[in-house]
Amino acid sequence: MPTAEPAAQPVNGHVSHWFDGLPASRAPLPGSRDADVCIVGAGYTGLWTAYYLKRADPSLRIVVLEARFAGFGASGRNGGWLSGLVPGDRGRMARRYGRDGVVAWQRLLNEAVDEVIDIAAAEGIEAGIVKGGNLEVARNAAQAGRLAAAMSAERDWQVDGVEALSADEAVQRIALDGVVAAYHNPHCARIQPAMLARGLADRVERMGVDIFERSPVTGIAAGVATTPWGAVSAPVVLRATEGFTAALPRLKRLWLPMNSSMIATEPIPAERWDDIGWAGRETLGDTAHGFFYAQRTVDDRIAIGGRSVPYRYGSAIDRDGRVPERTIRRLRATLHTILPQVADVPIAHGWCGVLAVPRDWEATVTFDPASGLGAAGGYVGHGVTATNLAARTLADLVLGRATPLTELPWVGHRSRDWEPEPLRWLGVRGMYLAYRAADWHEARGTTRTSPIAVVADKIAGRPH
């Protein structure tokens, strides 16, 4: 009798699934030149900053330098959640900078979701955007306790529209297995991340911004950014390097490059979607310590991610998104646990990327008028929307405007450096092993958050 065809192996790496079929890279810097503003990094932060600066002052000569191509980093590899999630701990920031400022920060992040949607529509940027909100679920009693606390916190920080859902109501939206509680937050949209990055790059280029790809910056100083192909001299130099910051001189311990991994299935047939639901295209996450995040993609796949191998020794970076095979297997197992209906759907692609984590898990926007040096980042995985607000804030600071944005609590915030190796590798590895143990403990019936996770949070300084 004939034997079954062996299942094709998933594509591994190649930056990310989101880049399939997108354009080739632009030319590198052709030699030294002058500019009014030089931006290092062509991810969301750098591109949005160029957009708002150029829109405010079309006469500005703006140069964007990118080591590979626009969206190569986290901007082109993320889970596609355009959400109002705060890149930090609201309570801790409120104790340091005042509650009113944090409430304003949260409100502006929620409004930034619509800002991105509106600009994409106005500028003709097709990015697969559907504002279906976020569905957050709990799958055991301990997770349900954290879910209730998270929902209460959202309301306490004046996030409007948050709706508690019963297990049945959640399953009516998406036919997930094992849900015990859920809530829906309307301030989130599903996007195709790389399409947004490349569309934004094309738009700012048409506005007159020069983008030079394949131009890695090897040094940043007041008035100059240096590459192997020449230097860009400018009175304003802005760093938007996020997870790749550790590769720059003297910045190795500033932000830790945290790895996050994803897989995407093959397209799922329409009749299977009839069983699953997910008609609202909500983004989907859970309250496990080793949490997952997922979306129904533009082309009807499921893309799901999680941490897996969270940190490489010495702040090393992945090789074009390649992940260990065990990571693909682990994410596949997570998907099949929550949606057993797709257990026979092959996995098409696995990849990873790095996000920047400051030592206190708080993002920042900084600009020094005296030196002309500025930066924004450290979004701890909540950057798709935050980059837009950070870029508008950075543009106001560069242009010398005093606005409500320049008064937000992350402006000028400073975090201490991470510990030297091997301490940071041991610490991060230990933290995630503890979270995995805590999830195992909670899955076996404890009704409260595992004390293992409580200790790990305290040691790491991670937001709750």
Protein backbone atom coordinates (compact mmCIF):
# COMPACT_ATOMS: atom_id res chain seq x y z
CA MET A 1 0.00 0.00 0.00
CA PRO A 2 1.28 3.55 -0.67
CA THR A 3 3.05 5.37 2.12
CA ALA A 4 2.03 8.86 3.24
CA GLU A 5 4.08 11.78 2.07
CA PRO A 6 6.34 13.02 4.89
CA ALA A 7 5.27 16.36 6.32
CA ALA A 8 7.33 19.27 5.03
CA GLN A 9 9.62 20.84 7.59
CA PRO A 10 8.68 24.38 8.60
CA VAL A 11 10.79 27.20 7.23
CA ASN A 12 13.12 28.22 10.05
CA GLY A 13 14.25 31.81 10.37
CA HIS A 14 14.50 33.82 7.14
CA VAL A 15 13.77 36.83 9.41
CA SER A 16 10.03 36.12 9.79
CA HIS A 17 6.93 34.78 8.09
CA TRP A 18 5.66 38.35 7.76
CA PHE A 19 8.29 39.18 5.13
CA ASP A 20 7.30 36.51 2.61
CA GLY A 21 7.12 38.22 -0.76
CA LEU A 22 8.01 41.73 0.41
CA PRO A 23 10.51 43.96 -1.44
CA ALA A 24 14.29 43.70 -1.48
CA SER A 25 16.44 46.10 0.52
CA ARG A 26 17.46 49.64 -0.43
CA ALA A 27 20.96 50.81 -1.31
CA PRO A 28 23.55 51.51 1.42
CA LEU A 29 24.91 54.91 2.39
CA PRO A 30 26.99 56.00 -0.63
CA GLY A 31 29.46 58.06 1.41
CA SER A 32 29.66 60.73 4.08
CA ARG A 33 27.03 63.46 4.07
CA ASP A 34 25.38 66.15 6.17
CA ALA A 35 21.81 66.21 7.44
CA ASP A 36 19.64 68.09 9.92
CA VAL A 37 18.55 64.89 11.67
CA CYS A 38 20.12 61.43 11.55
CA ILE A 39 18.02 58.53 12.83
CA VAL A 40 19.73 55.21 13.59
CA GLY A 41 17.35 52.31 13.02
CA ALA A 42 14.54 51.85 10.48
CA GLY A 43 12.05 50.06 12.69
CA TYR A 44 8.79 51.55 13.89
CA THR A 45 10.44 54.06 16.24
CA GLY A 46 12.83 55.45 13.66
CA LEU A 47 10.29 55.51 10.83
CA TRP A 48 7.51 57.10 12.87
CA THR A 49 9.97 59.72 14.15
CA ALA A 50 11.03 60.55 10.60
CA TYR A 51 7.36 60.74 9.57
CA TYR A 52 6.32 63.18 12.30
CA LEU A 53 9.42 65.35 11.99
CA LYS A 54 9.07 65.63 8.23
CA ARG A 55 5.35 66.32 8.49
CA ALA A 56 6.00 69.09 11.04
CA ASP A 57 8.87 70.64 9.06
CA PRO A 58 9.16 69.51 5.41
CA SER A 59 12.42 71.45 5.04
CA LEU A 60 14.30 69.12 7.40
CA ARG A 61 16.97 66.97 5.79
CA ILE A 62 16.48 63.61 7.49
CA VAL A 63 18.65 60.53 7.01
CA VAL A 64 17.69 57.10 8.40
CA LEU A 65 20.46 54.50 8.69
CA GLU A 66 19.57 50.81 8.94
CA ALA A 67 21.92 47.85 9.38
CA ARG A 68 19.84 45.47 7.24
CA PHE A 69 16.45 46.65 5.91
CA ALA A 70 13.43 48.52 7.22
CA GLY A 71 11.58 46.39 9.72
CA PHE A 72 14.36 43.80 10.06
CA GLY A 73 14.17 43.84 13.87
CA ALA A 74 11.20 43.47 16.18
CA SER A 75 9.07 45.70 13.94
CA GLY A 76 8.95 42.96 11.31
CA ARG A 77 8.85 39.92 13.58
CA ASN A 78 6.32 40.69 16.34
CA GLY A 79 2.92 39.21 17.07
CA GLY A 80 1.01 41.99 15.36
CA TRP A 81 -0.74 43.44 18.41
CA LEU A 82 -1.43 47.15 17.89
CA SER A 83 -2.46 47.54 21.54
CA GLY A 84 -2.62 50.11 24.30
CA LEU A 85 -0.39 47.99 26.55
CA VAL A 86 1.94 50.13 28.66
CA PRO A 87 5.66 49.33 28.26
CA GLY A 88 6.32 49.35 31.99
CA ASP A 89 4.77 49.05 35.43
CA ARG A 90 2.02 51.65 35.89
CA GLY A 91 2.04 51.44 39.67
CA ARG A 92 5.79 51.85 39.96
CA MET A 93 5.83 54.73 37.49
CA ALA A 94 2.96 56.40 39.38
CA ARG A 95 4.85 56.17 42.68
CA ARG A 96 7.84 57.84 41.05
CA TYR A 97 6.19 60.38 38.74
CA GLY A 98 2.60 60.73 39.92
CA ARG A 99 -0.66 58.94 39.14
CA ASP A 100 -2.09 61.63 36.85
CA GLY A 101 0.84 61.35 34.47
CA VAL A 102 0.47 57.57 34.21
CA VAL A 103 -3.29 57.85 33.62
CA ALA A 104 -2.52 60.31 30.80
CA TRP A 105 0.15 57.95 29.43
CA GLN A 106 -2.32 55.05 29.34
CA ARG A 107 -5.00 57.18 27.69
CA LEU A 108 -2.60 58.41 25.01
CA LEU A 109 -1.42 54.86 24.29
CA ASN A 110 -5.02 53.77 23.77
CA GLU A 111 -5.58 56.76 21.48
CA ALA A 112 -2.37 55.89 19.60
CA VAL A 113 -4.00 52.66 18.42
CA ASP A 114 -6.46 54.77 16.44
CA GLU A 115 -3.71 57.20 15.42
CA VAL A 116 -1.86 54.39 13.65
CA ILE A 117 -5.06 53.07 12.08
CA ASP A 118 -6.03 56.54 10.83
CA ILE A 119 -2.60 57.32 9.39
CA ALA A 120 -2.37 53.95 7.67
CA ALA A 121 -5.74 54.66 6.02
CA ALA A 122 -4.86 58.26 5.11
CA GLU A 123 -1.44 57.34 3.71
CA GLY A 124 -2.57 54.26 1.82
CA ILE A 125 -0.54 51.83 3.96
CA GLU A 126 -2.15 48.39 3.72
CA ALA A 127 -1.23 46.44 6.87
CA GLY A 128 -4.09 44.01 7.38
CA ILE A 129 -5.50 46.10 10.23
CA VAL A 130 -8.66 44.89 11.99
CA LYS A 131 -9.59 46.47 15.32
CA GLY A 132 -11.17 43.49 17.03
CA GLY A 133 -9.74 44.16 20.49
CA ASN A 134 -7.80 41.69 22.64
CA LEU A 135 -9.20 38.53 24.22
CA GLU A 136 -7.27 37.57 27.35
CA VAL A 137 -8.03 34.12 28.79
CA ALA A 138 -7.30 32.04 31.87
CA ARG A 139 -7.10 28.25 31.77
CA ASN A 140 -6.84 27.37 35.47
CA ALA A 141 -7.78 28.85 38.84
CA ALA A 142 -4.46 30.60 39.48
CA GLN A 143 -4.53 32.20 36.04
CA ALA A 144 -8.13 33.26 36.66
CA GLY A 145 -7.03 35.09 39.79
CA ARG A 146 -4.40 37.01 37.84
CA LEU A 147 -6.89 37.69 35.07
CA ALA A 148 -9.35 39.22 37.54
CA ALA A 149 -6.58 41.35 39.02
CA ALA A 150 -5.47 42.48 35.55
CA MET A 151 -9.01 43.42 34.60
CA SER A 152 -9.42 45.36 37.84
CA ALA A 153 -6.13 47.17 37.17
CA GLU A 154 -7.26 48.17 33.67
CA ARG A 155 -10.37 49.77 35.12
CA ASP A 156 -8.38 51.41 37.91
CA TRP A 157 -6.15 53.03 35.27
CA GLN A 158 -9.28 54.30 33.52
CA VAL A 159 -9.12 51.98 30.51
CA ASP A 160 -12.66 52.15 29.15
CA GLY A 161 -14.63 49.35 27.55
CA VAL A 162 -13.00 46.39 29.31
CA GLU A 163 -15.58 43.60 29.47
CA ALA A 164 -15.52 40.50 31.67
CA LEU A 165 -16.52 37.32 29.82
CA SER A 166 -17.67 33.97 31.11
CA ALA A 167 -15.98 30.86 29.77
CA ASP A 168 -18.99 30.25 27.48
CA GLU A 169 -18.88 33.81 26.15
CA ALA A 170 -15.17 33.53 25.41
CA VAL A 171 -15.60 30.21 23.63
CA GLN A 172 -18.37 31.71 21.50
CA ARG A 173 -15.76 34.13 20.17
CA ILE A 174 -12.96 31.56 19.76
CA ALA A 175 -13.56 27.85 20.41
CA LEU A 176 -10.63 27.49 22.79
CA ASP A 177 -10.12 24.43 24.95
CA GLY A 178 -10.06 24.66 28.75
CA VAL A 179 -11.00 28.33 29.25
CA VAL A 180 -12.29 29.15 32.74
CA ALA A 181 -12.47 32.98 32.50
CA ALA A 182 -11.71 35.79 30.08
CA TYR A 183 -11.97 39.48 29.38
CA HIS A 184 -12.03 41.64 26.27
CA ASN A 185 -10.15 44.92 25.88
CA PRO A 186 -11.28 46.96 22.86
CA HIS A 187 -8.02 48.93 22.53
CA CYS A 188 -6.19 46.55 20.21
CA ALA A 189 -6.01 45.79 16.50
CA ARG A 190 -4.59 42.88 14.54
CA ILE A 191 -1.93 43.96 12.04
CA GLN A 192 0.54 42.40 9.61
CA PRO A 193 3.72 43.84 11.19
CA ALA A 194 6.11 43.84 8.23
CA MET A 195 3.54 45.40 5.92
CA LEU A 196 3.21 48.31 8.35
CA ALA A 197 7.00 48.72 8.57
CA ARG A 198 7.60 48.56 4.84
CA GLY A 199 4.58 50.72 4.04
CA LEU A 200 5.74 53.35 6.50
CA ALA A 201 9.27 53.25 5.07
CA ASP A 202 7.93 53.77 1.56
CA ARG A 203 5.80 56.69 2.75
CA VAL A 204 8.58 58.59 4.53
CA GLU A 205 10.83 58.04 1.53
CA ARG A 206 8.22 59.67 -0.70
CA MET A 207 8.13 62.57 1.79
CA GLY A 208 11.82 63.18 1.06
CA VAL A 209 13.49 61.20 3.87
CA ASP A 210 16.65 59.36 2.80
CA ILE A 211 16.70 55.73 4.00
CA PHE A 212 19.98 53.87 3.62
CA GLU A 213 19.81 50.15 4.31
CA ARG A 214 22.71 47.72 4.68
CA SER A 215 24.44 50.58 6.56
CA PRO A 216 25.26 49.37 10.09
CA VAL A 217 26.11 52.16 12.50
CA THR A 218 29.29 51.39 14.42
CA GLY A 219 29.38 54.50 16.58
CA ILE A 220 27.15 57.35 17.74
CA ALA A 221 28.47 60.62 19.17
CA ALA A 222 27.26 64.19 19.40
CA GLY A 223 26.83 65.41 15.83
CA VAL A 224 27.74 62.19 14.01
CA ALA A 225 26.74 58.58 13.28
CA THR A 226 29.47 56.43 11.75
CA THR A 227 29.10 53.50 9.35
CA PRO A 228 31.65 51.46 7.34
CA TRP A 229 30.58 53.42 4.25
CA GLY A 230 30.92 56.90 5.70
CA ALA A 231 29.53 59.16 8.41
CA VAL A 232 26.38 61.23 8.65
CA SER A 233 27.00 64.55 10.37
CA ALA A 234 23.91 66.14 11.91
CA PRO A 235 23.17 68.41 14.88
CA VAL A 236 20.51 65.88 15.97
CA VAL A 237 21.27 62.15 16.16
CA LEU A 238 18.50 59.87 17.41
CA ARG A 239 19.00 56.22 18.39
CA ALA A 240 16.11 53.86 17.65
CA THR A 241 17.92 50.52 17.86
CA GLU A 242 15.74 48.63 20.43
CA GLY A 243 16.92 45.00 20.78
CA PHE A 244 20.11 45.65 18.81
CA THR A 245 21.31 48.40 21.17
CA ALA A 246 23.72 46.04 22.97
CA ALA A 247 25.87 45.85 19.80
CA LEU A 248 26.79 49.55 20.04
CA PRO A 249 29.89 50.74 21.92
CA ARG A 250 29.37 51.34 25.66
CA LEU A 251 25.73 50.21 25.52
CA LYS A 252 26.08 46.44 25.99
CA ARG A 253 24.41 46.46 29.42
CA LEU A 254 21.87 49.23 28.84
CA TRP A 255 19.03 47.07 27.49
CA LEU A 256 18.89 43.30 27.52
CA PRO A 257 17.98 41.74 24.11
CA MET A 258 15.14 39.38 25.08
CA ASN A 259 14.19 36.73 22.54
CA SER A 260 10.62 35.99 21.59
CA SER A 261 9.68 33.23 19.15
CA MET A 262 6.74 32.55 16.85
CA ILE A 263 5.28 29.97 14.53
CA ALA A 264 2.66 30.29 11.79
CA THR A 265 0.49 27.48 10.47
CA GLU A 266 -0.36 26.77 6.89
CA PRO A 267 -3.60 28.50 5.80
CA ILE A 268 -6.58 26.93 7.56
CA PRO A 269 -9.59 25.89 5.43
CA ALA A 270 -12.80 27.89 5.70
CA GLU A 271 -14.79 24.97 7.06
CA ARG A 272 -12.32 24.62 9.94
CA TRP A 273 -12.71 28.32 10.72
CA ASP A 274 -16.44 27.69 10.97
CA ASP A 275 -15.62 25.38 13.90
CA ILE A 276 -13.04 27.69 15.49
CA GLY A 277 -14.82 31.01 15.12
CA TRP A 278 -12.43 33.93 15.61
CA ALA A 279 -14.59 35.98 13.23
CA GLY A 280 -13.74 39.20 15.09
CA ARG A 281 -9.99 38.81 14.46
CA GLU A 282 -9.29 39.56 18.12
CA THR A 283 -5.70 39.21 19.27
CA LEU A 284 -5.44 36.40 21.82
CA GLY A 285 -3.33 35.95 24.94
CA ASP A 286 -3.32 34.24 28.31
CA THR A 287 -2.21 34.88 31.89
CA ALA A 288 0.25 32.00 32.26
CA HIS A 289 3.74 33.02 33.40
CA GLY A 290 5.11 31.50 30.18
CA PHE A 291 2.38 33.30 28.28
CA PHE A 292 1.44 32.97 24.62
CA TYR A 293 0.20 35.63 22.18
CA ALA A 294 -1.62 34.86 18.95
CA GLN A 295 -3.59 36.23 16.01
CA ARG A 296 -5.65 35.05 13.05
CA THR A 297 -3.58 36.34 10.16
CA VAL A 298 -4.60 38.21 7.02
CA ASP A 299 -4.30 34.97 5.00
CA ASP A 300 -6.18 32.83 7.57
CA ARG A 301 -3.30 31.18 9.35
CA ILE A 302 -2.76 31.17 13.10
CA ALA A 303 0.43 32.86 14.27
CA ILE A 304 1.35 32.19 17.91
CA GLY A 305 4.37 33.18 19.96
CA GLY A 306 6.05 32.90 23.33
CA ARG A 307 9.45 33.28 24.99
CA SER A 308 11.05 29.77 24.80
CA VAL A 309 14.82 30.63 24.69
CA PRO A 310 14.55 34.07 26.29
CA TYR A 311 18.18 35.21 26.32
CA ARG A 312 21.49 34.25 24.70
CA TYR A 313 24.71 34.55 26.67
CA GLY A 314 26.58 37.82 26.21
CA SER A 315 23.56 39.58 24.68
CA ALA A 316 24.04 37.58 21.49
CA ILE A 317 21.51 38.05 18.69
CA ASP A 318 19.80 35.36 16.62
CA ARG A 319 20.91 34.61 13.08
CA ASP A 320 18.18 36.04 10.83
CA GLY A 321 15.42 34.77 13.10
CA ARG A 322 16.45 31.11 13.27
CA VAL A 323 15.08 29.24 16.30
CA PRO A 324 15.91 25.88 17.90
CA GLU A 325 13.67 23.08 16.62
CA ARG A 326 12.51 22.45 20.20
CA THR A 327 11.04 25.97 20.23
CA ILE A 328 8.88 25.18 17.20
CA ARG A 329 7.78 21.94 18.86
CA ARG A 330 6.92 23.73 22.12
CA LEU A 331 4.87 26.43 20.41
CA ARG A 332 3.12 23.80 18.30
CA ALA A 333 2.21 21.94 21.50
CA THR A 334 0.84 25.15 23.03
CA LEU A 335 -1.29 25.80 19.95
CA HIS A 336 -2.65 22.25 19.93
CA THR A 337 -3.46 22.48 23.64
CA ILE A 338 -5.64 25.56 23.23
CA LEU A 339 -7.00 24.71 19.76
CA PRO A 340 -6.94 20.93 19.23
CA GLN A 341 -9.05 21.53 16.10
CA VAL A 342 -5.86 22.44 14.21
CA ALA A 343 -3.70 19.51 15.37
CA ASP A 344 -3.48 18.23 11.80
CA VAL A 345 -2.63 21.61 10.24
CA PRO A 346 1.08 21.77 9.37
CA ILE A 347 3.35 24.47 10.75
CA ALA A 348 4.69 26.59 7.88
CA HIS A 349 7.27 28.81 9.56
CA GLY A 350 9.13 29.38 12.81
CA TRP A 351 11.18 32.46 13.69
CA CYS A 352 12.33 34.69 16.51
CA GLY A 353 13.33 38.28 17.21
CA VAL A 354 14.70 40.39 20.02
CA LEU A 355 13.00 43.06 22.09
CA ALA A 356 14.74 45.46 24.45
CA VAL A 357 14.27 45.11 28.20
CA PRO A 358 15.67 47.80 30.54
CA ARG A 359 16.75 46.64 34.01
CA ASP A 360 13.60 48.13 35.58
CA TRP A 361 11.35 47.03 32.66
CA GLU A 362 10.43 50.69 31.90
CA ALA A 363 10.60 52.22 28.42
CA THR A 364 12.05 55.69 27.91
CA VAL A 365 12.16 58.69 25.57
CA THR A 366 15.14 61.01 25.99
CA PHE A 367 16.60 64.03 24.22
CA ASP A 368 19.45 66.33 25.25
CA PRO A 369 19.25 69.67 23.41
CA ALA A 370 22.85 70.48 24.33
CA SER A 371 24.37 67.45 22.58
CA GLY A 372 21.56 66.80 20.11
CA LEU A 373 21.49 63.14 21.15
CA GLY A 374 18.19 61.38 21.73
CA ALA A 375 16.74 57.89 21.98
CA ALA A 376 13.52 56.00 22.49
CA GLY A 377 12.89 52.36 23.28
CA GLY A 378 13.04 49.60 25.85
CA TYR A 379 9.43 48.65 25.11
CA VAL A 380 9.58 45.22 26.85
CA GLY A 381 7.54 43.62 24.07
CA HIS A 382 4.77 46.23 24.07
CA GLY A 383 6.16 48.45 21.35
CA VAL A 384 3.91 48.24 18.29
CA THR A 385 1.74 51.12 19.51
CA ALA A 386 4.19 52.65 21.99
CA THR A 387 6.65 53.36 19.17
CA ASN A 388 4.13 55.73 17.61
CA LEU A 389 3.61 57.68 20.83
CA ALA A 390 7.36 57.66 21.53
CA ALA A 391 8.10 59.00 18.05
CA ARG A 392 5.61 61.84 18.38
CA THR A 393 7.11 62.65 21.78
CA LEU A 394 10.65 62.55 20.41
CA ALA A 395 9.65 64.81 17.52
CA ASP A 396 8.20 67.36 19.95
CA LEU A 397 11.40 67.27 22.02
CA VAL A 398 13.61 67.75 18.96
CA LEU A 399 11.49 70.64 17.73
CA GLY A 400 11.59 72.29 21.15
CA ARG A 401 7.85 72.04 21.71
CA ALA A 402 6.39 71.87 25.21
CA THR A 403 3.33 69.64 24.79
CA PRO A 404 1.36 67.15 26.90
CA LEU A 405 3.50 64.43 25.30
CA THR A 406 6.75 65.91 26.59
CA GLU A 407 5.33 65.83 30.13
CA LEU A 408 4.65 62.08 30.14
CA PRO A 409 6.41 60.01 32.82
CA TRP A 410 8.66 58.06 30.45
CA VAL A 411 10.30 61.26 29.15
CA GLY A 412 13.79 61.43 30.61
CA HIS A 413 13.36 58.19 32.59
CA ARG A 414 16.67 56.47 33.34
CA SER A 415 17.21 52.79 34.16
CA ARG A 416 20.32 51.33 35.71
CA ASP A 417 22.47 48.95 33.68
CA TRP A 418 22.06 45.20 33.70
CA GLU A 419 24.54 43.09 35.64
CA PRO A 420 27.67 41.84 33.85
CA GLU A 421 27.93 38.27 32.59
CA PRO A 422 27.51 35.59 33.73
CA LEU A 423 25.11 37.15 36.23
CA ARG A 424 22.54 38.40 33.72
CA TRP A 425 22.48 35.09 31.81
CA LEU A 426 22.07 33.14 35.04
CA GLY A 427 19.42 35.56 36.28
CA VAL A 428 17.28 35.55 33.13
CA ARG A 429 17.62 31.80 32.63
CA GLY A 430 16.72 31.20 36.25
CA MET A 431 13.73 33.54 36.01
CA TYR A 432 12.20 31.72 33.06
CA LEU A 433 12.91 28.26 34.48
CA ALA A 434 11.07 29.46 37.59
CA TYR A 435 8.12 30.67 35.52
CA ARG A 436 7.95 27.33 33.75
CA ALA A 437 7.95 25.53 37.09
CA ALA A 438 5.27 27.91 38.38
CA ASP A 439 3.01 27.17 35.39
CA TRP A 440 3.49 23.42 35.98
CA HIS A 441 2.60 23.91 39.65
CA GLU A 442 -0.51 25.96 38.87
CA ALA A 443 -1.74 23.52 36.20
CA ARG A 444 -1.97 20.89 38.90
CA GLY A 445 -4.68 22.65 40.83
CA THR A 446 -3.31 25.38 43.07
CA THR A 447 -5.79 28.26 43.23
CA ARG A 448 -3.25 31.03 43.76
CA THR A 449 -0.23 32.31 41.89
CA SER A 450 2.67 29.99 42.56
CA PRO A 451 5.14 31.40 45.12
CA ILE A 452 7.90 30.40 42.69
CA ALA A 453 6.67 33.06 40.26
CA VAL A 454 6.26 35.64 43.03
CA VAL A 455 9.93 35.22 43.99
CA ALA A 456 11.02 35.32 40.32
CA ASP A 457 9.11 38.59 39.77
CA LYS A 458 10.74 40.22 42.79
CA ILE A 459 14.25 39.17 41.79
CA ALA A 460 13.79 40.29 38.18
CA GLY A 461 12.02 43.54 39.00
CA ARG A 462 9.42 42.51 36.43
CA PRO A 463 6.01 44.23 36.35
CA HIS A 464 3.11 42.20 37.69
